[in-house]
């Protein structure tokens, strides 16, 4: 893979063509900074959307769909006539609507308290259709909830910034990562790419270079892992300064792969750092320590804590 990445034509999928000054290629949350246009309703997959959306949006959509469905059937029952719902006869229009609405909710959930019951062929047909729709809807919602809970997804914490720190006789580019959850991640592997915008005969183009790591993998991740790229003569960062990286709109693309032994599946996590998120001449402060009982304690709030390096790096 490194041999392929060193070729001038290497493109990891972001294209070499430069279309303008983007904020970043890869957002910090791992999502690609791409907005699609021209899609039709056929391209929208409801299951993928419901699985990938946030929990607040998911709960709001389920609750909203439940209320709207009961409102629709409540108006249907009112259209048929509330006199066809035994026990729903009241003196005011608002009370009749509320009776129809709550009868719809009881039918939709196949609960049925028995105080209100349909009378007549049309009312019974509507109630039977709604009960069937309710069974199918709750089966779909149950599948969606199970899919969201059972989907493996790593929750890795990345340091807020990269640092250029002293390393052996020279310097290195570093970032730190830790597992936010208590599940065990094994065989963790890391890759780092450098994306720069460089001039060419046809205008600015994007270039991608692989950054060799001191250690490309660790077996376990119970604490923190400081991923280190030594800045030596073979490094694309050799002789670079903060001003050089800013002029090249440098962005560091990170890919972490690990095996989740809870779900027995491989998970992938993406992250990126822009040139302005690189701190020069710093070092990471330890984020874990042993307590009085001799047990290691990891403080995730200190993952991004840095201090000035003893020998500040200038290149």
C-alpha atoms as a PDB file:
ATOM      1  CA  UNK A   1       0.000   0.000   0.000  1.00  0.00           C
ATOM      2  CA  UNK A   2       2.701   2.618   0.798  1.00  0.00           C
ATOM      3  CA  UNK A   3       4.335   1.976  -2.585  1.00  0.00           C
ATOM      4  CA  UNK A   4       1.039   2.704  -4.342  1.00  0.00           C
ATOM      5  CA  UNK A   5       0.462   5.833  -2.268  1.00  0.00           C
ATOM      6  CA  UNK A   6       3.830   7.251  -3.279  1.00  0.00           C
ATOM      7  CA  UNK A   7       2.808   7.342  -6.924  1.00  0.00           C
ATOM      8  CA  UNK A   8       1.843  10.832  -8.191  1.00  0.00           C
ATOM      9  CA  UNK A   9      -1.505   9.531  -9.478  1.00  0.00           C
ATOM     10  CA  UNK A  10      -2.598   8.064  -6.153  1.00  0.00           C
ATOM     11  CA  UNK A  11      -6.114   9.137  -5.197  1.00  0.00           C
ATOM     12  CA  UNK A  12      -7.819   7.602  -2.131  1.00  0.00           C
ATOM     13  CA  UNK A  13     -11.234   8.601  -3.446  1.00  0.00           C
ATOM     14  CA  UNK A  14     -11.381  12.364  -2.857  1.00  0.00           C
ATOM     15  CA  UNK A  15     -10.162  13.216  -6.418  1.00  0.00           C
ATOM     16  CA  UNK A  16      -7.050  15.210  -7.268  1.00  0.00           C
ATOM     17  CA  UNK A  17      -9.009  17.982  -8.947  1.00  0.00           C
ATOM     18  CA  UNK A  18      -9.117  21.179  -6.941  1.00  0.00           C
ATOM     19  CA  UNK A  19     -12.552  22.802  -7.035  1.00  0.00           C
ATOM     20  CA  UNK A  20     -12.027  25.606  -4.522  1.00  0.00           C
ATOM     21  CA  UNK A  21     -10.970  26.326  -0.968  1.00  0.00           C
ATOM     22  CA  UNK A  22     -12.875  23.787   1.139  1.00  0.00           C
ATOM     23  CA  UNK A  23     -13.021  23.987   4.905  1.00  0.00           C
ATOM     24  CA  UNK A  24     -11.906  20.366   5.029  1.00  0.00           C
ATOM     25  CA  UNK A  25     -12.227  17.127   3.081  1.00  0.00           C
ATOM     26  CA  UNK A  26     -13.246  15.001   6.063  1.00  0.00           C
ATOM     27  CA  UNK A  27     -15.283  16.383   8.941  1.00  0.00           C
ATOM     28  CA  UNK A  28     -14.108  15.696  12.522  1.00  0.00           C
ATOM     29  CA  UNK A  29     -17.091  13.376  13.075  1.00  0.00           C
ATOM     30  CA  UNK A  30     -15.859  11.115  10.271  1.00  0.00           C
ATOM     31  CA  UNK A  31     -18.459  12.198   7.712  1.00  0.00           C
ATOM     32  CA  UNK A  32     -17.243  13.193   4.262  1.00  0.00           C
ATOM     33  CA  UNK A  33     -17.696  16.857   3.455  1.00  0.00           C
ATOM     34  CA  UNK A  34     -19.885  16.113   0.436  1.00  0.00           C
ATOM     35  CA  UNK A  35     -23.402  17.356  -0.257  1.00  0.00           C
ATOM     36  CA  UNK A  36     -25.290  15.536  -3.012  1.00  0.00           C
ATOM     37  CA  UNK A  37     -27.619  17.177  -5.496  1.00  0.00           C
ATOM     38  CA  UNK A  38     -29.835  15.745  -8.196  1.00  0.00           C
ATOM     39  CA  UNK A  39     -31.027  12.749  -6.182  1.00  0.00           C
ATOM     40  CA  UNK A  40     -34.630  11.602  -6.515  1.00  0.00           C
ATOM     41  CA  UNK A  41     -36.974  10.007  -3.992  1.00  0.00           C
ATOM     42  CA  UNK A  42     -35.939   6.610  -5.363  1.00  0.00           C
ATOM     43  CA  UNK A  43     -32.419   7.216  -4.055  1.00  0.00           C
ATOM     44  CA  UNK A  44     -33.621   7.703  -0.473  1.00  0.00           C
ATOM     45  CA  UNK A  45     -33.506   4.514   1.593  1.00  0.00           C
ATOM     46  CA  UNK A  46     -35.782   4.925   4.646  1.00  0.00           C
ATOM     47  CA  UNK A  47     -34.131   2.072   6.549  1.00  0.00           C
ATOM     48  CA  UNK A  48     -30.623   3.503   6.130  1.00  0.00           C
ATOM     49  CA  UNK A  49     -31.857   6.942   7.150  1.00  0.00           C
ATOM     50  CA  UNK A  50     -33.607   5.650  10.277  1.00  0.00           C
ATOM     51  CA  UNK A  51     -30.615   3.531  11.248  1.00  0.00           C
ATOM     52  CA  UNK A  52     -28.066   6.319  10.786  1.00  0.00           C
ATOM     53  CA  UNK A  53     -29.969   9.304  12.142  1.00  0.00           C
ATOM     54  CA  UNK A  54     -29.436  10.515  15.702  1.00  0.00           C
ATOM     55  CA  UNK A  55     -31.486   9.129  18.588  1.00  0.00           C
ATOM     56  CA  UNK A  56     -33.396  12.403  19.227  1.00  0.00           C
ATOM     57  CA  UNK A  57     -34.413  12.605  15.567  1.00  0.00           C
ATOM     58  CA  UNK A  58     -35.316   8.887  15.527  1.00  0.00           C
ATOM     59  CA  UNK A  59     -37.533   9.140  18.622  1.00  0.00           C
ATOM     60  CA  UNK A  60     -39.140  12.363  17.362  1.00  0.00           C
ATOM     61  CA  UNK A  61     -39.976  10.777  13.996  1.00  0.00           C
ATOM     62  CA  UNK A  62     -41.488   7.652  15.588  1.00  0.00           C
ATOM     63  CA  UNK A  63     -43.557   9.721  18.019  1.00  0.00           C
ATOM     64  CA  UNK A  64     -44.611  12.129  15.263  1.00  0.00           C
ATOM     65  CA  UNK A  65     -45.657   9.285  12.947  1.00  0.00           C
ATOM     66  CA  UNK A  66     -47.649   7.692  15.779  1.00  0.00           C
ATOM     67  CA  UNK A  67     -49.528  10.917  16.534  1.00  0.00           C
ATOM     68  CA  UNK A  68     -50.192  11.691  12.856  1.00  0.00           C
ATOM     69  CA  UNK A  69     -51.482   8.178  12.171  1.00  0.00           C
ATOM     70  CA  UNK A  70     -53.915   8.394  15.089  1.00  0.00           C
ATOM     71  CA  UNK A  71     -55.044  11.863  14.035  1.00  0.00           C
ATOM     72  CA  UNK A  72     -55.815  10.575  10.523  1.00  0.00           C
ATOM     73  CA  UNK A  73     -57.838   7.639  11.807  1.00  0.00           C
ATOM     74  CA  UNK A  74     -59.582   9.862  14.367  1.00  0.00           C
ATOM     75  CA  UNK A  75     -60.876  12.047  11.537  1.00  0.00           C
ATOM     76  CA  UNK A  76     -61.883   8.911   9.611  1.00  0.00           C
ATOM     77  CA  UNK A  77     -63.949   7.735  12.575  1.00  0.00           C
ATOM     78  CA  UNK A  78     -65.495  11.178  12.885  1.00  0.00           C
ATOM     79  CA  UNK A  79     -66.310  11.072   9.170  1.00  0.00           C
ATOM     80  CA  UNK A  80     -68.037   7.716   9.570  1.00  0.00           C
ATOM     81  CA  UNK A  81     -69.958   9.104  12.524  1.00  0.00           C
ATOM     82  CA  UNK A  82     -69.160   8.919  16.189  1.00  0.00           C
ATOM     83  CA  UNK A  83     -72.506   7.185  16.726  1.00  0.00           C
ATOM     84  CA  UNK A  84     -70.840   4.097  15.191  1.00  0.00           C
ATOM     85  CA  UNK A  85     -68.450   4.003  18.161  1.00  0.00           C
ATOM     86  CA  UNK A  86     -70.303   2.679  21.193  1.00  0.00           C
ATOM     87  CA  UNK A  87     -69.263   4.549  24.310  1.00  0.00           C
ATOM     88  CA  UNK A  88     -67.957   7.576  22.426  1.00  0.00           C
ATOM     89  CA  UNK A  89     -71.188   9.575  22.387  1.00  0.00           C
ATOM     90  CA  UNK A  90     -70.579  12.903  24.127  1.00  0.00           C
ATOM     91  CA  UNK A  91     -72.237  16.297  24.094  1.00  0.00           C
ATOM     92  CA  UNK A  92     -69.364  18.407  22.709  1.00  0.00           C
ATOM     93  CA  UNK A  93     -67.394  18.162  19.459  1.00  0.00           C
ATOM     94  CA  UNK A  94     -64.024  18.291  21.251  1.00  0.00           C
ATOM     95  CA  UNK A  95     -64.980  15.370  23.504  1.00  0.00           C
ATOM     96  CA  UNK A  96     -66.116  13.369  20.480  1.00  0.00           C
ATOM     97  CA  UNK A  97     -62.790  14.044  18.762  1.00  0.00           C
ATOM     98  CA  UNK A  98     -60.823  13.018  21.835  1.00  0.00           C
ATOM     99  CA  UNK A  99     -62.857   9.819  22.123  1.00  0.00           C
ATOM    100  CA  UNK A 100     -62.186   9.011  18.467  1.00  0.00           C
ATOM    101  CA  UNK A 101     -58.477   9.806  18.864  1.00  0.00           C
ATOM    102  CA  UNK A 102     -57.950   7.612  21.920  1.00  0.00           C
ATOM    103  CA  UNK A 103     -60.030   4.811  20.404  1.00  0.00           C
ATOM    104  CA  UNK A 104     -57.697   5.043  17.401  1.00  0.00           C
ATOM    105  CA  UNK A 105     -54.648   4.808  19.694  1.00  0.00           C
ATOM    106  CA  UNK A 106     -56.099   1.747  21.456  1.00  0.00           C
ATOM    107  CA  UNK A 107     -56.878   0.088  18.141  1.00  0.00           C
ATOM    108  CA  UNK A 108     -53.481   0.983  16.648  1.00  0.00           C
ATOM    109  CA  UNK A 109     -51.697  -0.704  19.538  1.00  0.00           C
ATOM    110  CA  UNK A 110     -54.254  -3.578  19.573  1.00  0.00           C
ATOM    111  CA  UNK A 111     -54.787  -2.738  23.250  1.00  0.00           C
ATOM    112  CA  UNK A 112     -58.515  -2.045  23.455  1.00  0.00           C
ATOM    113  CA  UNK A 113     -60.012  -1.327  26.887  1.00  0.00           C
ATOM    114  CA  UNK A 114     -63.517  -2.303  25.802  1.00  0.00           C
ATOM    115  CA  UNK A 115     -65.221   0.973  26.798  1.00  0.00           C
ATOM    116  CA  UNK A 116     -65.488   2.026  23.151  1.00  0.00           C
ATOM    117  CA  UNK A 117     -66.194  -0.471  20.380  1.00  0.00           C
ATOM    118  CA  UNK A 118     -66.975  -0.145  16.663  1.00  0.00           C
ATOM    119  CA  UNK A 119     -70.521  -0.725  15.416  1.00  0.00           C
ATOM    120  CA  UNK A 120     -71.420  -1.335  11.803  1.00  0.00           C
ATOM    121  CA  UNK A 121     -69.583  -2.770   8.817  1.00  0.00           C
ATOM    122  CA  UNK A 122     -67.652   0.366   7.832  1.00  0.00           C
ATOM    123  CA  UNK A 123     -66.426   1.161  11.351  1.00  0.00           C
ATOM    124  CA  UNK A 124     -65.333  -2.448  11.874  1.00  0.00           C
ATOM    125  CA  UNK A 125     -63.484  -2.492   8.543  1.00  0.00           C
ATOM    126  CA  UNK A 126     -61.587   0.666   9.435  1.00  0.00           C
ATOM    127  CA  UNK A 127     -60.751  -0.664  12.915  1.00  0.00           C
ATOM    128  CA  UNK A 128     -59.568  -3.998  11.495  1.00  0.00           C
ATOM    129  CA  UNK A 129     -57.400  -2.251   8.895  1.00  0.00           C
ATOM    130  CA  UNK A 130     -55.908   0.010  11.545  1.00  0.00           C
ATOM    131  CA  UNK A 131     -55.119  -2.940  13.810  1.00  0.00           C
ATOM    132  CA  UNK A 132     -53.286  -4.668  10.956  1.00  0.00           C
ATOM    133  CA  UNK A 133     -51.405  -1.460  10.161  1.00  0.00           C
ATOM    134  CA  UNK A 134     -50.472  -1.119  13.819  1.00  0.00           C
ATOM    135  CA  UNK A 135     -49.047  -4.644  13.973  1.00  0.00           C
ATOM    136  CA  UNK A 136     -46.924  -4.007  10.880  1.00  0.00           C
ATOM    137  CA  UNK A 137     -45.786  -0.585  12.121  1.00  0.00           C
ATOM    138  CA  UNK A 138     -44.662  -1.867  15.505  1.00  0.00           C
ATOM    139  CA  UNK A 139     -42.845  -4.773  13.867  1.00  0.00           C
ATOM    140  CA  UNK A 140     -40.942  -2.307  11.681  1.00  0.00           C
ATOM    141  CA  UNK A 141     -40.145  -0.041  14.631  1.00  0.00           C
ATOM    142  CA  UNK A 142     -38.961  -3.040  16.658  1.00  0.00           C
ATOM    143  CA  UNK A 143     -36.638  -4.023  13.810  1.00  0.00           C
ATOM    144  CA  UNK A 144     -35.287  -0.479  13.568  1.00  0.00           C
ATOM    145  CA  UNK A 145     -34.621  -0.262  17.308  1.00  0.00           C
ATOM    146  CA  UNK A 146     -32.904  -3.657  17.277  1.00  0.00           C
ATOM    147  CA  UNK A 147     -30.838  -2.619  14.255  1.00  0.00           C
ATOM    148  CA  UNK A 148     -29.700   0.556  15.990  1.00  0.00           C
ATOM    149  CA  UNK A 149     -28.759  -1.255  19.198  1.00  0.00           C
ATOM    150  CA  UNK A 150     -27.090  -4.214  17.489  1.00  0.00           C
ATOM    151  CA  UNK A 151     -25.041  -2.227  14.985  1.00  0.00           C
ATOM    152  CA  UNK A 152     -21.364  -2.209  15.971  1.00  0.00           C
ATOM    153  CA  UNK A 153     -19.969   1.296  16.150  1.00  0.00           C
ATOM    154  CA  UNK A 154     -16.738   2.292  17.823  1.00  0.00           C
ATOM    155  CA  UNK A 155     -16.751   5.379  20.010  1.00  0.00           C
ATOM    156  CA  UNK A 156     -13.188   6.558  19.833  1.00  0.00           C
ATOM    157  CA  UNK A 157     -12.058   9.806  21.390  1.00  0.00           C
ATOM    158  CA  UNK A 158      -9.454  11.749  19.429  1.00  0.00           C
ATOM    159  CA  UNK A 159      -7.311  14.518  20.833  1.00  0.00           C
ATOM    160  CA  UNK A 160      -8.569  17.934  19.765  1.00  0.00           C
ATOM    161  CA  UNK A 161      -5.247  18.714  18.128  1.00  0.00           C
ATOM    162  CA  UNK A 162      -2.168  17.087  16.669  1.00  0.00           C
ATOM    163  CA  UNK A 163       1.201  18.098  17.998  1.00  0.00           C
ATOM    164  CA  UNK A 164       4.708  18.336  16.619  1.00  0.00           C
ATOM    165  CA  UNK A 165       6.776  17.030  19.510  1.00  0.00           C
ATOM    166  CA  UNK A 166      10.387  16.024  20.121  1.00  0.00           C
ATOM    167  CA  UNK A 167      11.004  12.429  19.124  1.00  0.00           C
ATOM    168  CA  UNK A 168      14.298  10.667  19.702  1.00  0.00           C
ATOM    169  CA  UNK A 169      16.888  12.931  18.003  1.00  0.00           C
ATOM    170  CA  UNK A 170      14.304  14.787  15.908  1.00  0.00           C
ATOM    171  CA  UNK A 171      10.604  15.571  15.885  1.00  0.00           C
ATOM    172  CA  UNK A 172       7.363  13.753  15.173  1.00  0.00           C
ATOM    173  CA  UNK A 173       3.723  14.400  14.383  1.00  0.00           C
ATOM    174  CA  UNK A 174       1.415  12.894  16.994  1.00  0.00           C
ATOM    175  CA  UNK A 175      -2.229  12.549  17.937  1.00  0.00           C
ATOM    176  CA  UNK A 176      -3.856  10.578  20.707  1.00  0.00           C
ATOM    177  CA  UNK A 177      -6.848   8.246  20.679  1.00  0.00           C
ATOM    178  CA  UNK A 178      -8.766   6.312  23.336  1.00  0.00           C
ATOM    179  CA  UNK A 179     -11.866   4.125  23.565  1.00  0.00           C
ATOM    180  CA  UNK A 180     -14.816   5.971  25.128  1.00  0.00           C
ATOM    181  CA  UNK A 181     -16.730   2.781  25.849  1.00  0.00           C
ATOM    182  CA  UNK A 182     -16.001  -0.097  28.184  1.00  0.00           C
ATOM    183  CA  UNK A 183     -16.082  -2.707  25.408  1.00  0.00           C
ATOM    184  CA  UNK A 184     -12.825  -4.299  24.333  1.00  0.00           C
ATOM    185  CA  UNK A 185     -11.258  -3.319  21.023  1.00  0.00           C
ATOM    186  CA  UNK A 186      -8.535  -5.584  19.684  1.00  0.00           C
ATOM    187  CA  UNK A 187      -6.055  -5.488  16.805  1.00  0.00           C
ATOM    188  CA  UNK A 188      -6.334  -1.737  16.346  1.00  0.00           C
ATOM    189  CA  UNK A 189      -4.710  -0.453  13.157  1.00  0.00           C
ATOM    190  CA  UNK A 190      -4.093   3.123  12.082  1.00  0.00           C
ATOM    191  CA  UNK A 191      -3.378   4.808   8.759  1.00  0.00           C
ATOM    192  CA  UNK A 192      -2.561   8.465   8.159  1.00  0.00           C
ATOM    193  CA  UNK A 193      -2.678  10.399   4.891  1.00  0.00           C
ATOM    194  CA  UNK A 194      -1.487  13.926   4.180  1.00  0.00           C
ATOM    195  CA  UNK A 195      -3.617  15.909   1.735  1.00  0.00           C
ATOM    196  CA  UNK A 196      -2.117  19.104   0.294  1.00  0.00           C
ATOM    197  CA  UNK A 197      -3.057  21.526  -2.456  1.00  0.00           C
ATOM    198  CA  UNK A 198      -0.116  22.063  -4.797  1.00  0.00           C
ATOM    199  CA  UNK A 199       0.350  23.990  -8.064  1.00  0.00           C
ATOM    200  CA  UNK A 200       0.572  22.229 -11.411  1.00  0.00           C
ATOM    201  CA  UNK A 201       0.519  23.075 -15.122  1.00  0.00           C
ATOM    202  CA  UNK A 202      -3.272  22.785 -15.067  1.00  0.00           C
ATOM    203  CA  UNK A 203      -3.820  24.765 -11.899  1.00  0.00           C
ATOM    204  CA  UNK A 204      -3.970  23.698  -8.244  1.00  0.00           C
ATOM    205  CA  UNK A 205      -4.405  19.976  -7.586  1.00  0.00           C
ATOM    206  CA  UNK A 206      -4.752  17.866  -4.494  1.00  0.00           C
ATOM    207  CA  UNK A 207      -1.907  15.527  -3.600  1.00  0.00           C
ATOM    208  CA  UNK A 208      -2.089  12.622  -1.174  1.00  0.00           C
ATOM    209  CA  UNK A 209       0.872  11.090   0.591  1.00  0.00           C
ATOM    210  CA  UNK A 210       1.083   8.279   3.075  1.00  0.00           C
ATOM    211  CA  UNK A 211       2.680   9.080   6.414  1.00  0.00           C
ATOM    212  CA  UNK A 212       4.668   6.204   7.859  1.00  0.00           C
ATOM    213  CA  UNK A 213       3.885   5.501  11.493  1.00  0.00           C
ATOM    214  CA  UNK A 214       6.207   4.470  14.262  1.00  0.00           C
ATOM    215  CA  UNK A 215       3.688   1.754  15.132  1.00  0.00           C
ATOM    216  CA  UNK A 216       0.846   0.931  12.758  1.00  0.00           C
ATOM    217  CA  UNK A 217      -1.097  -1.263  15.192  1.00  0.00           C
ATOM    218  CA  UNK A 218      -1.588  -2.219  18.822  1.00  0.00           C
ATOM    219  CA  UNK A 219      -3.218  -5.355  20.142  1.00  0.00           C
ATOM    220  CA  UNK A 220      -5.370  -3.709  22.812  1.00  0.00           C
ATOM    221  CA  UNK A 221      -6.716  -0.234  23.616  1.00  0.00           C
ATOM    222  CA  UNK A 222      -7.577  -0.138  27.336  1.00  0.00           C
ATOM    223  CA  UNK A 223      -5.833   3.228  27.845  1.00  0.00           C
ATOM    224  CA  UNK A 224      -4.602   5.752  25.265  1.00  0.00           C
ATOM    225  CA  UNK A 225      -2.607   5.243  22.094  1.00  0.00           C
ATOM    226  CA  UNK A 226      -0.352   8.025  20.866  1.00  0.00           C
ATOM    227  CA  UNK A 227      -0.013   7.566  17.126  1.00  0.00           C
ATOM    228  CA  UNK A 228       3.394   8.859  16.025  1.00  0.00           C
ATOM    229  CA  UNK A 229       4.714   9.795  12.597  1.00  0.00           C
ATOM    230  CA  UNK A 230       8.491  10.378  12.776  1.00  0.00           C
ATOM    231  CA  UNK A 231       9.503  13.467  10.807  1.00  0.00           C
ATOM    232  CA  UNK A 232      12.714  12.264   9.213  1.00  0.00           C
ATOM    233  CA  UNK A 233      14.263  12.770   5.783  1.00  0.00           C
ATOM    234  CA  UNK A 234      11.809  10.283   4.261  1.00  0.00           C
ATOM    235  CA  UNK A 235       8.790  12.144   5.637  1.00  0.00           C
ATOM    236  CA  UNK A 236       6.754  14.543   3.457  1.00  0.00           C
ATOM    237  CA  UNK A 237       6.830  16.893   6.472  1.00  0.00           C
ATOM    238  CA  UNK A 238      10.625  17.118   6.533  1.00  0.00           C
ATOM    239  CA  UNK A 239      11.595  20.792   6.604  1.00  0.00           C
ATOM    240  CA  UNK A 240       7.971  21.942   6.707  1.00  0.00           C
ATOM    241  CA  UNK A 241       6.732  24.718   8.976  1.00  0.00           C
ATOM    242  CA  UNK A 242       3.298  25.813  10.118  1.00  0.00           C
ATOM    243  CA  UNK A 243       3.302  28.472   7.381  1.00  0.00           C
ATOM    244  CA  UNK A 244       4.099  25.873   4.715  1.00  0.00           C
ATOM    245  CA  UNK A 245       1.244  23.635   5.833  1.00  0.00           C
ATOM    246  CA  UNK A 246      -1.165  26.574   5.896  1.00  0.00           C
ATOM    247  CA  UNK A 247      -0.142  27.595   2.371  1.00  0.00           C
ATOM    248  CA  UNK A 248      -0.774  24.043   1.162  1.00  0.00           C
ATOM    249  CA  UNK A 249      -4.127  23.799   3.007  1.00  0.00           C
ATOM    250  CA  UNK A 250      -2.801  20.635   4.583  1.00  0.00           C
ATOM    251  CA  UNK A 251      -5.233  18.157   6.076  1.00  0.00           C
ATOM    252  CA  UNK A 252      -4.339  14.922   7.837  1.00  0.00           C
ATOM    253  CA  UNK A 253      -6.786  12.078   7.181  1.00  0.00           C
ATOM    254  CA  UNK A 254      -6.985   9.335   9.798  1.00  0.00           C
ATOM    255  CA  UNK A 255      -8.455   5.847   9.445  1.00  0.00           C
ATOM    256  CA  UNK A 256      -8.690   3.553  12.477  1.00  0.00           C
ATOM    257  CA  UNK A 257      -9.721  -0.087  12.113  1.00  0.00           C
ATOM    258  CA  UNK A 258     -10.374  -2.375  15.077  1.00  0.00           C
ATOM    259  CA  UNK A 259     -12.060  -5.633  16.002  1.00  0.00           C
ATOM    260  CA  UNK A 260     -14.937  -5.312  18.472  1.00  0.00           C
ATOM    261  CA  UNK A 261     -15.057  -8.511  20.514  1.00  0.00           C
ATOM    262  CA  UNK A 262     -18.560  -7.656  21.796  1.00  0.00           C
ATOM    263  CA  UNK A 263     -20.138  -7.849  18.336  1.00  0.00           C
ATOM    264  CA  UNK A 264     -17.322  -9.933  16.793  1.00  0.00           C
ATOM    265  CA  UNK A 265     -17.129  -7.506  13.890  1.00  0.00           C
ATOM    266  CA  UNK A 266     -14.590  -5.100  12.473  1.00  0.00           C
ATOM    267  CA  UNK A 267     -15.341  -1.401  12.967  1.00  0.00           C
ATOM    268  CA  UNK A 268     -13.905   1.610  11.150  1.00  0.00           C
ATOM    269  CA  UNK A 269     -13.512   5.153  12.454  1.00  0.00           C
ATOM    270  CA  UNK A 270     -12.463   8.192  10.394  1.00  0.00           C
ATOM    271  CA  UNK A 271     -11.119  11.511  11.598  1.00  0.00           C
ATOM    272  CA  UNK A 272      -9.164  14.456  10.243  1.00  0.00           C
ATOM    273  CA  UNK A 273      -7.039  17.358  11.398  1.00  0.00           C
ATOM    274  CA  UNK A 274      -6.504  20.606   9.520  1.00  0.00           C
ATOM    275  CA  UNK A 275      -3.206  22.472   9.539  1.00  0.00           C
ATOM    276  CA  UNK A 276      -4.557  24.998  12.068  1.00  0.00           C
ATOM    277  CA  UNK A 277      -5.231  22.111  14.465  1.00  0.00           C
ATOM    278  CA  UNK A 278      -1.518  21.250  14.690  1.00  0.00           C
ATOM    279  CA  UNK A 279       0.318  22.609  17.736  1.00  0.00           C
ATOM    280  CA  UNK A 280       4.073  22.945  17.281  1.00  0.00           C
ATOM    281  CA  UNK A 281       6.532  22.388  20.111  1.00  0.00           C
ATOM    282  CA  UNK A 282       4.184  20.601  22.524  1.00  0.00           C
ATOM    283  CA  UNK A 283       3.841  17.261  24.254  1.00  0.00           C
ATOM    284  CA  UNK A 284       0.873  15.294  25.536  1.00  0.00           C
ATOM    285  CA  UNK A 285       0.274  15.168  29.272  1.00  0.00           C
ATOM    286  CA  UNK A 286      -0.430  11.628  30.584  1.00  0.00           C
ATOM    287  CA  UNK A 287      -4.177  10.980  30.718  1.00  0.00           C
ATOM    288  CA  UNK A 288      -4.061   8.015  33.082  1.00  0.00           C
ATOM    289  CA  UNK A 289      -2.574   7.214  36.448  1.00  0.00           C
ATOM    290  CA  UNK A 290      -2.681   4.568  39.140  1.00  0.00           C
ATOM    291  CA  UNK A 291      -4.996   5.126  42.093  1.00  0.00           C
ATOM    292  CA  UNK A 292      -4.304   4.258  45.712  1.00  0.00           C
ATOM    293  CA  UNK A 293      -5.388   0.661  45.105  1.00  0.00           C
ATOM    294  CA  UNK A 294      -3.018   0.211  42.196  1.00  0.00           C
ATOM    295  CA  UNK A 295      -5.730   0.293  39.520  1.00  0.00           C
ATOM    296  CA  UNK A 296      -5.219   2.307  36.334  1.00  0.00           C
ATOM    297  CA  UNK A 297      -7.630   5.227  35.926  1.00  0.00           C
ATOM    298  CA  UNK A 298      -8.133   6.787  32.482  1.00  0.00           C
ATOM    299  CA  UNK A 299      -9.389  10.380  32.414  1.00  0.00           C
ATOM    300  CA  UNK A 300     -10.882  11.043  28.985  1.00  0.00           C
ATOM    301  CA  UNK A 301     -11.154  14.755  29.778  1.00  0.00           C
ATOM    302  CA  UNK A 302      -7.335  14.912  29.751  1.00  0.00           C
ATOM    303  CA  UNK A 303      -6.967  13.244  26.368  1.00  0.00           C
ATOM    304  CA  UNK A 304      -6.242  16.565  24.642  1.00  0.00           C
ATOM    305  CA  UNK A 305      -4.202  18.093  27.466  1.00  0.00           C
ATOM    306  CA  UNK A 306      -0.791  19.292  26.264  1.00  0.00           C
ATOM    307  CA  UNK A 307       2.175  21.140  27.691  1.00  0.00           C
ATOM    308  CA  UNK A 308       5.132  22.954  26.121  1.00  0.00           C
ATOM    309  CA  UNK A 309       7.863  20.605  24.996  1.00  0.00           C
ATOM    310  CA  UNK A 310      11.206  20.797  26.703  1.00  0.00           C
ATOM    311  CA  UNK A 311      12.818  21.363  23.310  1.00  0.00           C
ATOM    312  CA  UNK A 312      10.177  23.177  21.232  1.00  0.00           C
ATOM    313  CA  UNK A 313      10.066  22.008  17.626  1.00  0.00           C
ATOM    314  CA  UNK A 314      10.479  24.635  14.982  1.00  0.00           C
ATOM    315  CA  UNK A 315      10.371  22.513  11.856  1.00  0.00           C
END
